PDB file of N, CA and C in Angstrom:
ATOM      1  N   UNK A   1     122.253 -62.003  30.637  1.00  0.00           N
ATOM      2  CA  UNK A   1     120.983 -61.947  31.346  1.00  0.00           C
ATOM      3  C   UNK A   1     120.612 -60.502  31.622  1.00  0.00           C
ATOM      4  N   UNK A   2     119.335 -60.236  31.576  1.00  0.00           N
ATOM      5  CA  UNK A   2     118.853 -58.895  31.855  1.00  0.00           C
ATOM      6  C   UNK A   2     118.645 -58.680  33.342  1.00  0.00           C
ATOM      7  N   UNK A   3     118.336 -57.458  33.663  1.00  0.00           N
ATOM      8  CA  UNK A   3     118.074 -57.111  35.061  1.00  0.00           C
ATOM      9  C   UNK A   3     116.688 -57.597  35.468  1.00  0.00           C
ATOM     10  N   UNK A   4     116.531 -57.870  36.757  1.00  0.00           N
ATOM     11  CA  UNK A   4     115.224 -58.262  37.272  1.00  0.00           C
ATOM     12  C   UNK A   4     114.431 -57.008  37.607  1.00  0.00           C
ATOM     13  N   UNK A   5     113.250 -56.909  37.039  1.00  0.00           N
ATOM     14  CA  UNK A   5     112.362 -55.802  37.336  1.00  0.00           C
ATOM     15  C   UNK A   5     111.300 -56.231  38.342  1.00  0.00           C
ATOM     16  N   UNK A   6     110.413 -55.305  38.674  1.00  0.00           N
ATOM     17  CA  UNK A   6     109.351 -55.616  39.640  1.00  0.00           C
ATOM     18  C   UNK A   6     108.435 -56.745  39.190  1.00  0.00           C
ATOM     19  N   UNK A   7     108.045 -56.817  37.910  1.00  0.00           N
ATOM     20  CA  UNK A   7     107.175 -57.937  37.508  1.00  0.00           C
ATOM     21  C   UNK A   7     107.831 -59.302  37.704  1.00  0.00           C
ATOM     22  N   UNK A   8     109.122 -59.383  37.402  1.00  0.00           N
ATOM     23  CA  UNK A   8     109.823 -60.654  37.571  1.00  0.00           C
ATOM     24  C   UNK A   8     109.947 -61.033  39.041  1.00  0.00           C
ATOM     25  N   UNK A   9     110.245 -60.045  39.886  1.00  0.00           N
ATOM     26  CA  UNK A   9     110.369 -60.300  41.329  1.00  0.00           C
ATOM     27  C   UNK A   9     109.033 -60.753  41.901  1.00  0.00           C
ATOM     28  N   UNK A  10     107.944 -60.106  41.490  1.00  0.00           N
ATOM     29  CA  UNK A  10     106.615 -60.503  41.965  1.00  0.00           C
ATOM     30  C   UNK A  10     106.259 -61.915  41.503  1.00  0.00           C
ATOM     31  N   UNK A  11     106.643 -62.255  40.288  1.00  0.00           N
ATOM     32  CA  UNK A  11     106.385 -63.609  39.784  1.00  0.00           C
ATOM     33  C   UNK A  11     107.162 -64.640  40.593  1.00  0.00           C
ATOM     34  N   UNK A  12     108.416 -64.356  40.898  1.00  0.00           N
ATOM     35  CA  UNK A  12     109.229 -65.270  41.696  1.00  0.00           C
ATOM     36  C   UNK A  12     108.627 -65.435  43.090  1.00  0.00           C
ATOM     37  N   UNK A  13     108.209 -64.328  43.707  1.00  0.00           N
ATOM     38  CA  UNK A  13     107.590 -64.400  45.041  1.00  0.00           C
ATOM     39  C   UNK A  13     106.296 -65.209  45.014  1.00  0.00           C
ATOM     40  N   UNK A  14     105.511 -65.059  43.963  1.00  0.00           N
ATOM     41  CA  UNK A  14     104.269 -65.824  43.851  1.00  0.00           C
ATOM     42  C   UNK A  14     104.560 -67.318  43.741  1.00  0.00           C
ATOM     43  N   UNK A  15     105.570 -67.674  42.972  1.00  0.00           N
ATOM     44  CA  UNK A  15     105.931 -69.088  42.824  1.00  0.00           C
ATOM     45  C   UNK A  15     106.423 -69.653  44.154  1.00  0.00           C
ATOM     46  N   UNK A  16     107.233 -68.882  44.879  1.00  0.00           N
ATOM     47  CA  UNK A  16     107.726 -69.328  46.187  1.00  0.00           C
ATOM     48  C   UNK A  16     106.560 -69.535  47.146  1.00  0.00           C
ATOM     49  N   UNK A  17     105.592 -68.616  47.148  1.00  0.00           N
ATOM     50  CA  UNK A  17     104.419 -68.761  48.018  1.00  0.00           C
ATOM     51  C   UNK A  17     103.636 -70.024  47.677  1.00  0.00           C
ATOM     52  N   UNK A  18     103.501 -70.312  46.397  1.00  0.00           N
ATOM     53  CA  UNK A  18     102.775 -71.516  45.988  1.00  0.00           C
ATOM     54  C   UNK A  18     103.519 -72.785  46.382  1.00  0.00           C
ATOM     55  N   UNK A  19     104.844 -72.775  46.264  1.00  0.00           N
ATOM     56  CA  UNK A  19     105.621 -73.974  46.565  1.00  0.00           C
ATOM     57  C   UNK A  19     105.710 -74.261  48.058  1.00  0.00           C
ATOM     58  N   UNK A  20     105.972 -73.230  48.859  1.00  0.00           N
ATOM     59  CA  UNK A  20     106.260 -73.446  50.271  1.00  0.00           C
ATOM     60  C   UNK A  20     105.116 -73.087  51.204  1.00  0.00           C
ATOM     61  N   UNK A  21     104.202 -72.269  50.785  1.00  0.00           N
ATOM     62  CA  UNK A  21     103.094 -71.874  51.641  1.00  0.00           C
ATOM     63  C   UNK A  21     103.481 -70.770  52.604  1.00  0.00           C
ATOM     64  N   UNK A  22     102.495 -70.121  53.192  1.00  0.00           N
ATOM     65  CA  UNK A  22     102.717 -68.974  54.059  1.00  0.00           C
ATOM     66  C   UNK A  22     103.331 -69.314  55.402  1.00  0.00           C
ATOM     67  N   UNK A  23     103.143 -70.524  55.890  1.00  0.00           N
ATOM     68  CA  UNK A  23     103.654 -70.869  57.225  1.00  0.00           C
ATOM     69  C   UNK A  23     105.129 -71.226  57.200  1.00  0.00           C
ATOM     70  N   UNK A  24     105.611 -71.751  56.108  1.00  0.00           N
ATOM     71  CA  UNK A  24     106.999 -72.220  56.040  1.00  0.00           C
ATOM     72  C   UNK A  24     107.983 -71.091  55.738  1.00  0.00           C
ATOM     73  N   UNK A  25     107.534 -70.052  55.051  1.00  0.00           N
ATOM     74  CA  UNK A  25     108.427 -68.976  54.634  1.00  0.00           C
ATOM     75  C   UNK A  25     109.060 -68.241  55.818  1.00  0.00           C
ATOM     76  N   UNK A  26     108.311 -67.861  56.877  1.00  0.00           N
ATOM     77  CA  UNK A  26     108.974 -67.197  58.011  1.00  0.00           C
ATOM     78  C   UNK A  26     110.052 -68.064  58.667  1.00  0.00           C
ATOM     79  N   UNK A  27     109.825 -69.367  58.726  1.00  0.00           N
ATOM     80  CA  UNK A  27     110.835 -70.272  59.279  1.00  0.00           C
ATOM     81  C   UNK A  27     112.091 -70.275  58.412  1.00  0.00           C
ATOM     82  N   UNK A  28     111.904 -70.268  57.106  1.00  0.00           N
ATOM     83  CA  UNK A  28     113.042 -70.252  56.193  1.00  0.00           C
ATOM     84  C   UNK A  28     113.821 -68.944  56.322  1.00  0.00           C
ATOM     85  N   UNK A  29     113.121 -67.826  56.433  1.00  0.00           N
ATOM     86  CA  UNK A  29     113.785 -66.526  56.570  1.00  0.00           C
ATOM     87  C   UNK A  29     114.519 -66.418  57.904  1.00  0.00           C
ATOM     88  N   UNK A  30     113.936 -66.984  58.949  1.00  0.00           N
ATOM     89  CA  UNK A  30     114.586 -66.981  60.261  1.00  0.00           C
ATOM     90  C   UNK A  30     115.902 -67.769  60.199  1.00  0.00           C
ATOM     91  N   UNK A  31     115.860 -68.914  59.549  1.00  0.00           N
ATOM     92  CA  UNK A  31     117.070 -69.718  59.383  1.00  0.00           C
ATOM     93  C   UNK A  31     118.107 -69.008  58.527  1.00  0.00           C
ATOM     94  N   UNK A  32     117.651 -68.312  57.494  1.00  0.00           N
ATOM     95  CA  UNK A  32     118.568 -67.557  56.649  1.00  0.00           C
ATOM     96  C   UNK A  32     119.219 -66.427  57.446  1.00  0.00           C
ATOM     97  N   UNK A  33     118.441 -65.753  58.282  1.00  0.00           N
ATOM     98  CA  UNK A  33     118.983 -64.678  59.115  1.00  0.00           C
ATOM     99  C   UNK A  33     120.013 -65.185  60.101  1.00  0.00           C
ATOM    100  N   UNK A  34     119.728 -66.329  60.722  1.00  0.00           N
ATOM    101  CA  UNK A  34     120.688 -66.923  61.660  1.00  0.00           C
ATOM    102  C   UNK A  34     121.982 -67.294  60.946  1.00  0.00           C
ATOM    103  N   UNK A  35     121.839 -67.860  59.762  1.00  0.00           N
ATOM    104  CA  UNK A  35     123.012 -68.248  58.988  1.00  0.00           C
ATOM    105  C   UNK A  35     123.856 -67.046  58.593  1.00  0.00           C
ATOM    106  N   UNK A  36     123.209 -65.965  58.180  1.00  0.00           N
ATOM    107  CA  UNK A  36     123.937 -64.758  57.811  1.00  0.00           C
ATOM    108  C   UNK A  36     124.644 -64.153  59.016  1.00  0.00           C
ATOM    109  N   UNK A  37     123.977 -64.181  60.178  1.00  0.00           N
ATOM    110  CA  UNK A  37     124.582 -63.633  61.393  1.00  0.00           C
ATOM    111  C   UNK A  37     125.795 -64.459  61.813  1.00  0.00           C
ATOM    112  N   UNK A  38     125.669 -65.771  61.748  1.00  0.00           N
ATOM    113  CA  UNK A  38     126.790 -66.640  62.091  1.00  0.00           C
ATOM    114  C   UNK A  38     127.957 -66.444  61.127  1.00  0.00           C
ATOM    115  N   UNK A  39     127.651 -66.279  59.848  1.00  0.00           N
ATOM    116  CA  UNK A  39     128.702 -66.049  58.863  1.00  0.00           C
ATOM    117  C   UNK A  39     129.417 -64.732  59.130  1.00  0.00           C
ATOM    118  N   UNK A  40     128.635 -63.694  59.434  1.00  0.00           N
ATOM    119  CA  UNK A  40     129.219 -62.391  59.715  1.00  0.00           C
ATOM    120  C   UNK A  40     130.095 -62.445  60.960  1.00  0.00           C
ATOM    121  N   UNK A  41     129.614 -63.115  62.010  1.00  0.00           N
ATOM    122  CA  UNK A  41     130.407 -63.251  63.239  1.00  0.00           C
ATOM    123  C   UNK A  41     131.679 -64.047  62.987  1.00  0.00           C
ATOM    124  N   UNK A  42     131.577 -65.103  62.195  1.00  0.00           N
ATOM    125  CA  UNK A  42     132.751 -65.924  61.910  1.00  0.00           C
ATOM    126  C   UNK A  42     133.771 -65.160  61.072  1.00  0.00           C
ATOM    127  N   UNK A  43     133.278 -64.327  60.159  1.00  0.00           N
ATOM    128  CA  UNK A  43     134.207 -63.573  59.317  1.00  0.00           C
ATOM    129  C   UNK A  43     134.914 -62.480  60.113  1.00  0.00           C
ATOM    130  N   UNK A  44     134.284 -62.007  61.194  1.00  0.00           N
ATOM    131  CA  UNK A  44     134.926 -61.017  62.065  1.00  0.00           C
ATOM    132  C   UNK A  44     135.897 -61.670  63.029  1.00  0.00           C
ATOM    133  N   UNK A  45     135.814 -62.983  63.182  1.00  0.00           N
ATOM    134  CA  UNK A  45     136.714 -63.706  64.062  1.00  0.00           C
ATOM    135  C   UNK A  45     136.193 -63.855  65.473  1.00  0.00           C
ATOM    136  N   UNK A  46     134.919 -63.587  65.690  1.00  0.00           N
ATOM    137  CA  UNK A  46     134.341 -63.755  67.025  1.00  0.00           C
ATOM    138  C   UNK A  46     134.119 -65.235  67.296  1.00  0.00           C
ATOM    139  N   UNK A  47     134.086 -65.592  68.585  1.00  0.00           N
ATOM    140  CA  UNK A  47     133.875 -66.982  68.972  1.00  0.00           C
ATOM    141  C   UNK A  47     132.459 -67.439  68.703  1.00  0.00           C
ATOM    142  N   UNK A  48     132.276 -68.744  68.594  1.00  0.00           N
ATOM    143  CA  UNK A  48     130.945 -69.282  68.330  1.00  0.00           C
ATOM    144  C   UNK A  48     130.123 -69.398  69.604  1.00  0.00           C
ATOM    145  N   UNK A  49     130.738 -69.176  70.778  1.00  0.00           N
ATOM    146  CA  UNK A  49     129.991 -69.311  72.015  1.00  0.00           C
ATOM    147  C   UNK A  49     128.936 -68.222  72.151  1.00  0.00           C
ATOM    148  N   UNK A  50     129.209 -67.011  71.659  1.00  0.00           N
ATOM    149  CA  UNK A  50     128.228 -65.932  71.767  1.00  0.00           C
ATOM    150  C   UNK A  50     127.034 -66.201  70.868  1.00  0.00           C
ATOM    151  N   UNK A  51     127.256 -66.737  69.669  1.00  0.00           N
ATOM    152  CA  UNK A  51     126.136 -67.003  68.772  1.00  0.00           C
ATOM    153  C   UNK A  51     125.316 -68.182  69.256  1.00  0.00           C
ATOM    154  N   UNK A  52     125.957 -69.179  69.845  1.00  0.00           N
ATOM    155  CA  UNK A  52     125.183 -70.324  70.303  1.00  0.00           C
ATOM    156  C   UNK A  52     124.338 -69.953  71.515  1.00  0.00           C
ATOM    157  N   UNK A  53     124.844 -69.095  72.403  1.00  0.00           N
ATOM    158  CA  UNK A  53     124.043 -68.705  73.547  1.00  0.00           C
ATOM    159  C   UNK A  53     122.877 -67.833  73.128  1.00  0.00           C
ATOM    160  N   UNK A  54     123.073 -66.984  72.093  1.00  0.00           N
ATOM    161  CA  UNK A  54     121.978 -66.161  71.605  1.00  0.00           C
ATOM    162  C   UNK A  54     120.929 -67.020  70.913  1.00  0.00           C
ATOM    163  N   UNK A  55     121.349 -68.014  70.144  1.00  0.00           N
ATOM    164  CA  UNK A  55     120.386 -68.867  69.475  1.00  0.00           C
ATOM    165  C   UNK A  55     119.641 -69.743  70.463  1.00  0.00           C
ATOM    166  N   UNK A  56     120.296 -70.126  71.572  1.00  0.00           N
ATOM    167  CA  UNK A  56     119.605 -70.891  72.614  1.00  0.00           C
ATOM    168  C   UNK A  56     118.515 -70.053  73.255  1.00  0.00           C
ATOM    169  N   UNK A  57     118.778 -68.771  73.454  1.00  0.00           N
ATOM    170  CA  UNK A  57     117.768 -67.891  74.043  1.00  0.00           C
ATOM    171  C   UNK A  57     116.570 -67.769  73.117  1.00  0.00           C
ATOM    172  N   UNK A  58     116.823 -67.659  71.809  1.00  0.00           N
ATOM    173  CA  UNK A  58     115.739 -67.514  70.836  1.00  0.00           C
ATOM    174  C   UNK A  58     114.923 -68.800  70.778  1.00  0.00           C
ATOM    175  N   UNK A  59     115.586 -69.952  70.772  1.00  0.00           N
ATOM    176  CA  UNK A  59     114.871 -71.221  70.653  1.00  0.00           C
ATOM    177  C   UNK A  59     114.058 -71.532  71.904  1.00  0.00           C
ATOM    178  N   UNK A  60     114.480 -71.057  73.078  1.00  0.00           N
ATOM    179  CA  UNK A  60     113.765 -71.362  74.316  1.00  0.00           C
ATOM    180  C   UNK A  60     112.505 -70.534  74.468  1.00  0.00           C
ATOM    181  N   UNK A  61     112.310 -69.497  73.650  1.00  0.00           N
ATOM    182  CA  UNK A  61     111.108 -68.649  73.771  1.00  0.00           C
ATOM    183  C   UNK A  61     109.903 -69.320  73.230  1.00  0.00           C
TER     184      UNK A  61
END
């Protein structure tokens, strides 16, 4: 497989926008960010209580 250039990335982004729409994408990215943060915390060996309290604060806003 070849490398992805700017035209290919723009095409992929356009397809994603058409499939999911502008309102759903920020929600998906927020969930992806939370998942990455939880994975990073778990890989460091930190407890899940700190991540759950932080996510509760975010959800209550």
